[in-house]
Amino acid sequence: FPPSGRDHAYYRPLVGASYSVDAALFGARAG
């Protein structure tokens, strides 16, 4: 999660990387 306060101590880089691939293919289209 984007840093905000002291919450969400999650390290999930492969999930973020999958969003990056989706962003390259689909931009901001949810489908």
All heavy atoms as atom14 arrays in JSON, in Angstrom:
{
  "sequence": "FPPSGRDHAYYRPLVGASYSVDAALFGARAG",
  "atom14_mask": [
    [1, 1, 1, 1, 1, 1, 1, 1, 1, 1, 1, 0, 0, 0],
    [1, 1, 1, 1, 1, 1, 1, 0, 0, 0, 0, 0, 0, 0],
    [1, 1, 1, 1, 1, 1, 1, 0, 0, 0, 0, 0, 0, 0],
    [1, 1, 1, 1, 1, 1, 0, 0, 0, 0, 0, 0, 0, 0],
    [1, 1, 1, 1, 0, 0, 0, 0, 0, 0, 0, 0, 0, 0],
    [1, 1, 1, 1, 1, 1, 1, 1, 1, 1, 1, 0, 0, 0],
    [1, 1, 1, 1, 1, 1, 1, 1, 0, 0, 0, 0, 0, 0],
    [1, 1, 1, 1, 1, 1, 1, 1, 1, 1, 0, 0, 0, 0],
    [1, 1, 1, 1, 1, 0, 0, 0, 0, 0, 0, 0, 0, 0],
    [1, 1, 1, 1, 1, 1, 1, 1, 1, 1, 1, 1, 0, 0],
    [1, 1, 1, 1, 1, 1, 1, 1, 1, 1, 1, 1, 0, 0],
    [1, 1, 1, 1, 1, 1, 1, 1, 1, 1, 1, 0, 0, 0],
    [1, 1, 1, 1, 1, 1, 1, 0, 0, 0, 0, 0, 0, 0],
    [1, 1, 1, 1, 1, 1, 1, 1, 0, 0, 0, 0, 0, 0],
    [1, 1, 1, 1, 1, 1, 1, 0, 0, 0, 0, 0, 0, 0],
    [1, 1, 1, 1, 0, 0, 0, 0, 0, 0, 0, 0, 0, 0],
    [1, 1, 1, 1, 1, 0, 0, 0, 0, 0, 0, 0, 0, 0],
    [1, 1, 1, 1, 1, 1, 0, 0, 0, 0, 0, 0, 0, 0],
    [1, 1, 1, 1, 1, 1, 1, 1, 1, 1, 1, 1, 0, 0],
    [1, 1, 1, 1, 1, 1, 0, 0, 0, 0, 0, 0, 0, 0],
    [1, 1, 1, 1, 1, 1, 1, 0, 0, 0, 0, 0, 0, 0],
    [1, 1, 1, 1, 1, 1, 1, 1, 0, 0, 0, 0, 0, 0],
    [1, 1, 1, 1, 1, 0, 0, 0, 0, 0, 0, 0, 0, 0],
    [1, 1, 1, 1, 1, 0, 0, 0, 0, 0, 0, 0, 0, 0],
    [1, 1, 1, 1, 1, 1, 1, 1, 0, 0, 0, 0, 0, 0],
    [1, 1, 1, 1, 1, 1, 1, 1, 1, 1, 1, 0, 0, 0],
    [1, 1, 1, 1, 0, 0, 0, 0, 0, 0, 0, 0, 0, 0],
    [1, 1, 1, 1, 1, 0, 0, 0, 0, 0, 0, 0, 0, 0],
    [1, 1, 1, 1, 1, 1, 1, 1, 1, 1, 1, 0, 0, 0],
    [1, 1, 1, 1, 1, 0, 0, 0, 0, 0, 0, 0, 0, 0],
    [1, 1, 1, 1, 0, 0, 0, 0, 0, 0, 0, 0, 0, 0]
  ],
  "atom14_positions": [
    [[0.83, -1.19, 0.0], [0.0, 0.0, 0.0], [0.87, 1.25, 0.0], [1.95, 1.25, 0.6], [-0.91, 0.03, 1.24], [-2.11, -0.85, 1.13], [-2.11, -2.12, 1.7], [-3.24, -0.43, 0.46], [-3.22, -2.94, 1.6], [-4.36, -1.24, 0.36], [-4.35, -2.49, 0.93], [0.0, 0.0, 0.0], [0.0, 0.0, 0.0], [0.0, 0.0, 0.0]],
    [[0.45, 2.31, -0.67], [1.19, 3.57, -0.6], [1.33, 4.01, 0.85], [0.38, 3.88, 1.63], [0.32, 4.55, -1.39], [-0.52, 3.69, -2.27], [-0.76, 2.42, -1.51], [0.0, 0.0, 0.0], [0.0, 0.0, 0.0], [0.0, 0.0, 0.0], [0.0, 0.0, 0.0], [0.0, 0.0, 0.0], [0.0, 0.0, 0.0], [0.0, 0.0, 0.0]],
    [[2.52, 4.48, 1.26], [2.72, 4.87, 2.66], [1.7, 5.92, 3.09], [1.51, 6.93, 2.43], [4.13, 5.45, 2.66], [4.8, 4.83, 1.47], [3.72, 4.67, 0.45], [0.0, 0.0, 0.0], [0.0, 0.0, 0.0], [0.0, 0.0, 0.0], [0.0, 0.0, 0.0], [0.0, 0.0, 0.0], [0.0, 0.0, 0.0], [0.0, 0.0, 0.0]],
    [[1.04, 5.65, 4.2], [0.1, 6.61, 4.78], [-0.01, 6.29, 6.26], [-0.56, 5.27, 6.63], [-1.27, 6.52, 4.11], [-1.8, 5.23, 4.25], [0.0, 0.0, 0.0], [0.0, 0.0, 0.0], [0.0, 0.0, 0.0], [0.0, 0.0, 0.0], [0.0, 0.0, 0.0], [0.0, 0.0, 0.0], [0.0, 0.0, 0.0], [0.0, 0.0, 0.0]],
    [[0.54, 7.15, 7.06], [0.53, 6.9, 8.49], [1.42, 5.72, 8.83], [2.5, 5.55, 8.29], [0.0, 0.0, 0.0], [0.0, 0.0, 0.0], [0.0, 0.0, 0.0], [0.0, 0.0, 0.0], [0.0, 0.0, 0.0], [0.0, 0.0, 0.0], [0.0, 0.0, 0.0], [0.0, 0.0, 0.0], [0.0, 0.0, 0.0], [0.0, 0.0, 0.0]],
    [[0.94, 4.84, 9.72], [1.75, 3.71, 10.18], [1.01, 2.39, 9.97], [1.25, 1.41, 10.65], [2.08, 3.89, 11.66], [2.8, 5.2, 11.97], [2.87, 5.45, 13.46], [3.72, 4.47, 14.12], [3.72, 4.26, 15.44], [2.91, 4.93, 16.21], [4.54, 3.37, 15.97], [0.0, 0.0, 0.0], [0.0, 0.0, 0.0], [0.0, 0.0, 0.0]],
    [[0.1, 2.39, 8.99], [-0.72, 1.2, 8.77], [-0.18, 0.35, 7.61], [0.64, 0.78, 6.83], [-2.17, 1.59, 8.45], [-2.83, 2.27, 9.63], [-2.31, 2.13, 10.74], [-3.85, 2.95, 9.42], [0.0, 0.0, 0.0], [0.0, 0.0, 0.0], [0.0, 0.0, 0.0], [0.0, 0.0, 0.0], [0.0, 0.0, 0.0], [0.0, 0.0, 0.0]],
    [[-0.7, -0.88, 7.54], [-0.49, -1.75, 6.38], [0.97, -2.15, 6.2], [1.65, -1.71, 5.28], [-1.01, -1.09, 5.11], [-2.45, -0.69, 5.16], [-3.43, -1.56, 5.57], [-3.06, 0.48, 4.88], [-4.6, -0.94, 5.52], [-4.41, 0.29, 5.11], [0.0, 0.0, 0.0], [0.0, 0.0, 0.0], [0.0, 0.0, 0.0], [0.0, 0.0, 0.0]],
    [[1.47, -2.98, 7.1], [2.85, -3.47, 6.99], [2.87, -4.69, 6.07], [3.13, -5.81, 6.49], [3.39, -3.83, 8.36], [0.0, 0.0, 0.0], [0.0, 0.0, 0.0], [0.0, 0.0, 0.0], [0.0, 0.0, 0.0], [0.0, 0.0, 0.0], [0.0, 0.0, 0.0], [0.0, 0.0, 0.0], [0.0, 0.0, 0.0], [0.0, 0.0, 0.0]],
    [[2.57, -4.46, 4.79], [2.49, -5.54, 3.82], [3.58, -5.36, 2.76], [3.71, -4.28, 2.17], [1.12, -5.56, 3.13], [-0.05, -5.73, 4.08], [-1.23, -5.04, 3.86], [0.03, -6.58, 5.18], [-2.32, -5.19, 4.71], [-1.05, -6.74, 6.03], [-2.22, -6.04, 5.8], [-3.29, -6.18, 6.63], [0.0, 0.0, 0.0], [0.0, 0.0, 0.0]],
    [[4.3, -6.46, 2.51], [5.29, -6.47, 1.43], [4.86, -7.55, 0.45], [5.04, -8.74, 0.7], [6.68, -6.75, 1.99], [7.77, -6.76, 0.93], [8.03, -5.61, 0.18], [8.53, -7.89, 0.68], [9.02, -5.61, -0.79], [9.52, -7.89, -0.28], [9.75, -6.75, -1.02], [10.74, -6.73, -1.99], [0.0, 0.0, 0.0], [0.0, 0.0, 0.0]],
    [[4.26, -7.14, -0.66], [3.7, -8.07, -1.64], [4.11, -7.63, -3.06], [3.27, -7.27, -3.88], [2.18, -8.11, -1.5], [1.72, -8.55, -0.11], [0.24, -8.38, 0.1], [-0.17, -8.81, 1.43], [-1.39, -8.7, 1.92], [-2.35, -8.12, 1.19], [-1.67, -9.12, 3.15], [0.0, 0.0, 0.0], [0.0, 0.0, 0.0], [0.0, 0.0, 0.0]],
    [[5.38, -7.69, -3.35], [5.86, -7.11, -4.61], [5.36, -7.81, -5.85], [5.19, -7.16, -6.89], [7.39, -7.2, -4.49], [7.62, -8.3, -3.5], [6.49, -8.22, -2.53], [0.0, 0.0, 0.0], [0.0, 0.0, 0.0], [0.0, 0.0, 0.0], [0.0, 0.0, 0.0], [0.0, 0.0, 0.0], [0.0, 0.0, 0.0], [0.0, 0.0, 0.0]],
    [[5.14, -9.12, -5.81], [4.67, -9.8, -7.02], [3.25, -9.39, -7.37], [2.88, -9.35, -8.55], [4.76, -11.32, -6.85], [6.15, -11.94, -7.03], [6.06, -13.45, -6.97], [6.78, -11.51, -8.35], [0.0, 0.0, 0.0], [0.0, 0.0, 0.0], [0.0, 0.0, 0.0], [0.0, 0.0, 0.0], [0.0, 0.0, 0.0], [0.0, 0.0, 0.0]],
    [[2.46, -9.07, -6.36], [1.12, -8.57, -6.64], [1.21, -7.21, -7.31], [0.54, -6.93, -8.31], [0.28, -8.48, -5.35], [-1.14, -8.01, -5.67], [0.25, -9.82, -4.63], [0.0, 0.0, 0.0], [0.0, 0.0, 0.0], [0.0, 0.0, 0.0], [0.0, 0.0, 0.0], [0.0, 0.0, 0.0], [0.0, 0.0, 0.0], [0.0, 0.0, 0.0]],
    [[2.06, -6.33, -6.76], [2.26, -5.03, -7.38], [2.79, -5.15, -8.8], [2.39, -4.39, -9.7], [0.0, 0.0, 0.0], [0.0, 0.0, 0.0], [0.0, 0.0, 0.0], [0.0, 0.0, 0.0], [0.0, 0.0, 0.0], [0.0, 0.0, 0.0], [0.0, 0.0, 0.0], [0.0, 0.0, 0.0], [0.0, 0.0, 0.0], [0.0, 0.0, 0.0]],
    [[3.7, -6.1, -9.01], [4.24, -6.3, -10.36], [3.15, -6.77, -11.32], [3.13, -6.38, -12.5], [5.37, -7.32, -10.32], [0.0, 0.0, 0.0], [0.0, 0.0, 0.0], [0.0, 0.0, 0.0], [0.0, 0.0, 0.0], [0.0, 0.0, 0.0], [0.0, 0.0, 0.0], [0.0, 0.0, 0.0], [0.0, 0.0, 0.0], [0.0, 0.0, 0.0]],
    [[2.21, -7.59, -10.84], [1.11, -8.03, -11.7], [0.2, -6.85, -12.06], [-0.29, -6.77, -13.19], [0.31, -9.14, -11.02], [-0.5, -8.65, -9.97], [0.0, 0.0, 0.0], [0.0, 0.0, 0.0], [0.0, 0.0, 0.0], [0.0, 0.0, 0.0], [0.0, 0.0, 0.0], [0.0, 0.0, 0.0], [0.0, 0.0, 0.0], [0.0, 0.0, 0.0]],
    [[0.0, -5.93, -11.11], [-0.76, -4.72, -11.43], [-0.02, -3.88, -12.47], [-0.65, -3.26, -13.34], [-0.97, -3.88, -10.18], [-1.86, -4.48, -9.12], [-1.65, -4.2, -7.77], [-2.91, -5.33, -9.45], [-2.46, -4.74, -6.79], [-3.72, -5.88, -8.47], [-3.49, -5.58, -7.13], [-4.29, -6.11, -6.16], [0.0, 0.0, 0.0], [0.0, 0.0, 0.0]],
    [[1.29, -3.87, -12.4], [2.09, -3.11, -13.36], [1.92, -3.68, -14.77], [1.78, -2.93, -15.74], [3.56, -3.12, -12.95], [4.35, -2.4, -13.86], [0.0, 0.0, 0.0], [0.0, 0.0, 0.0], [0.0, 0.0, 0.0], [0.0, 0.0, 0.0], [0.0, 0.0, 0.0], [0.0, 0.0, 0.0], [0.0, 0.0, 0.0], [0.0, 0.0, 0.0]],
    [[1.92, -5.01, -14.88], [1.7, -5.63, -16.19], [0.31, -5.29, -16.71], [0.13, -4.96, -17.89], [1.91, -7.15, -16.1], [1.52, -7.83, -17.4], [3.35, -7.48, -15.75], [0.0, 0.0, 0.0], [0.0, 0.0, 0.0], [0.0, 0.0, 0.0], [0.0, 0.0, 0.0], [0.0, 0.0, 0.0], [0.0, 0.0, 0.0], [0.0, 0.0, 0.0]],
    [[-0.68, -5.37, -15.81], [-2.04, -5.02, -16.22], [-2.12, -3.56, -16.66], [-2.83, -3.24, -17.63], [-3.01, -5.25, -15.06], [-3.33, -6.73, -14.86], [-3.02, -7.52, -15.76], [-3.89, -7.07, -13.81], [0.0, 0.0, 0.0], [0.0, 0.0, 0.0], [0.0, 0.0, 0.0], [0.0, 0.0, 0.0], [0.0, 0.0, 0.0], [0.0, 0.0, 0.0]],
    [[-1.42, -2.68, -15.94], [-1.45, -1.26, -16.3], [-0.87, -1.04, -17.68], [-1.35, -0.2, -18.45], [-0.68, -0.44, -15.26], [0.0, 0.0, 0.0], [0.0, 0.0, 0.0], [0.0, 0.0, 0.0], [0.0, 0.0, 0.0], [0.0, 0.0, 0.0], [0.0, 0.0, 0.0], [0.0, 0.0, 0.0], [0.0, 0.0, 0.0], [0.0, 0.0, 0.0]],
    [[0.17, -1.81, -18.03], [0.76, -1.68, -19.36], [-0.2, -2.15, -20.44], [-0.25, -1.58, -21.54], [2.07, -2.48, -19.42], [0.0, 0.0, 0.0], [0.0, 0.0, 0.0], [0.0, 0.0, 0.0], [0.0, 0.0, 0.0], [0.0, 0.0, 0.0], [0.0, 0.0, 0.0], [0.0, 0.0, 0.0], [0.0, 0.0, 0.0], [0.0, 0.0, 0.0]],
    [[-0.99, -3.18, -20.13], [-1.88, -3.76, -21.13], [-3.23, -3.05, -21.2], [-3.81, -2.9, -22.28], [-2.11, -5.24, -20.82], [-0.88, -6.15, -20.92], [-1.23, -7.55, -20.44], [-0.35, -6.2, -22.34], [0.0, 0.0, 0.0], [0.0, 0.0, 0.0], [0.0, 0.0, 0.0], [0.0, 0.0, 0.0], [0.0, 0.0, 0.0], [0.0, 0.0, 0.0]],
    [[-3.73, -2.63, -20.04], [-5.11, -2.14, -19.98], [-5.25, -0.72, -19.45], [-6.37, -0.19, -19.43], [-5.95, -3.07, -19.09], [-5.78, -4.53, -19.42], [-5.15, -5.39, -18.54], [-6.24, -5.05, -20.62], [-4.98, -6.73, -18.83], [-6.08, -6.4, -20.92], [-5.45, -7.24, -20.03], [0.0, 0.0, 0.0], [0.0, 0.0, 0.0], [0.0, 0.0, 0.0]],
    [[-4.15, -0.11, -19.0], [-4.26, 1.23, -18.45], [-5.13, 1.24, -17.22], [-4.95, 0.44, -16.3], [0.0, 0.0, 0.0], [0.0, 0.0, 0.0], [0.0, 0.0, 0.0], [0.0, 0.0, 0.0], [0.0, 0.0, 0.0], [0.0, 0.0, 0.0], [0.0, 0.0, 0.0], [0.0, 0.0, 0.0], [0.0, 0.0, 0.0], [0.0, 0.0, 0.0]],
    [[-6.11, 2.14, -17.17], [-7.01, 2.25, -16.03], [-8.36, 1.6, -16.31], [-9.36, 1.93, -15.67], [-7.19, 3.71, -15.63], [0.0, 0.0, 0.0], [0.0, 0.0, 0.0], [0.0, 0.0, 0.0], [0.0, 0.0, 0.0], [0.0, 0.0, 0.0], [0.0, 0.0, 0.0], [0.0, 0.0, 0.0], [0.0, 0.0, 0.0], [0.0, 0.0, 0.0]],
    [[-8.41, 0.66, -17.27], [-9.66, -0.04, -17.59], [-9.79, -1.27, -16.69], [-8.96, -2.17, -16.73], [-9.71, -0.44, -19.06], [-9.68, 0.76, -20.02], [-9.9, 0.33, -21.45], [-8.83, -0.52, -21.93], [-7.67, -0.09, -22.43], [-7.45, 1.23, -22.51], [-6.76, -0.93, -22.86], [0.0, 0.0, 0.0], [0.0, 0.0, 0.0], [0.0, 0.0, 0.0]],
    [[-10.83, -1.28, -15.89], [-10.97, -2.3, -14.85], [-11.09, -3.71, -15.41], [-10.65, -4.68, -14.78], [-12.19, -2.0, -13.98], [0.0, 0.0, 0.0], [0.0, 0.0, 0.0], [0.0, 0.0, 0.0], [0.0, 0.0, 0.0], [0.0, 0.0, 0.0], [0.0, 0.0, 0.0], [0.0, 0.0, 0.0], [0.0, 0.0, 0.0], [0.0, 0.0, 0.0]],
    [[-11.66, -3.86, -16.61], [-11.91, -5.19, -17.15], [-10.67, -6.04, -17.27], [-10.71, -7.26, -17.02], [0.0, 0.0, 0.0], [0.0, 0.0, 0.0], [0.0, 0.0, 0.0], [0.0, 0.0, 0.0], [0.0, 0.0, 0.0], [0.0, 0.0, 0.0], [0.0, 0.0, 0.0], [0.0, 0.0, 0.0], [0.0, 0.0, 0.0], [0.0, 0.0, 0.0]]
  ]
}
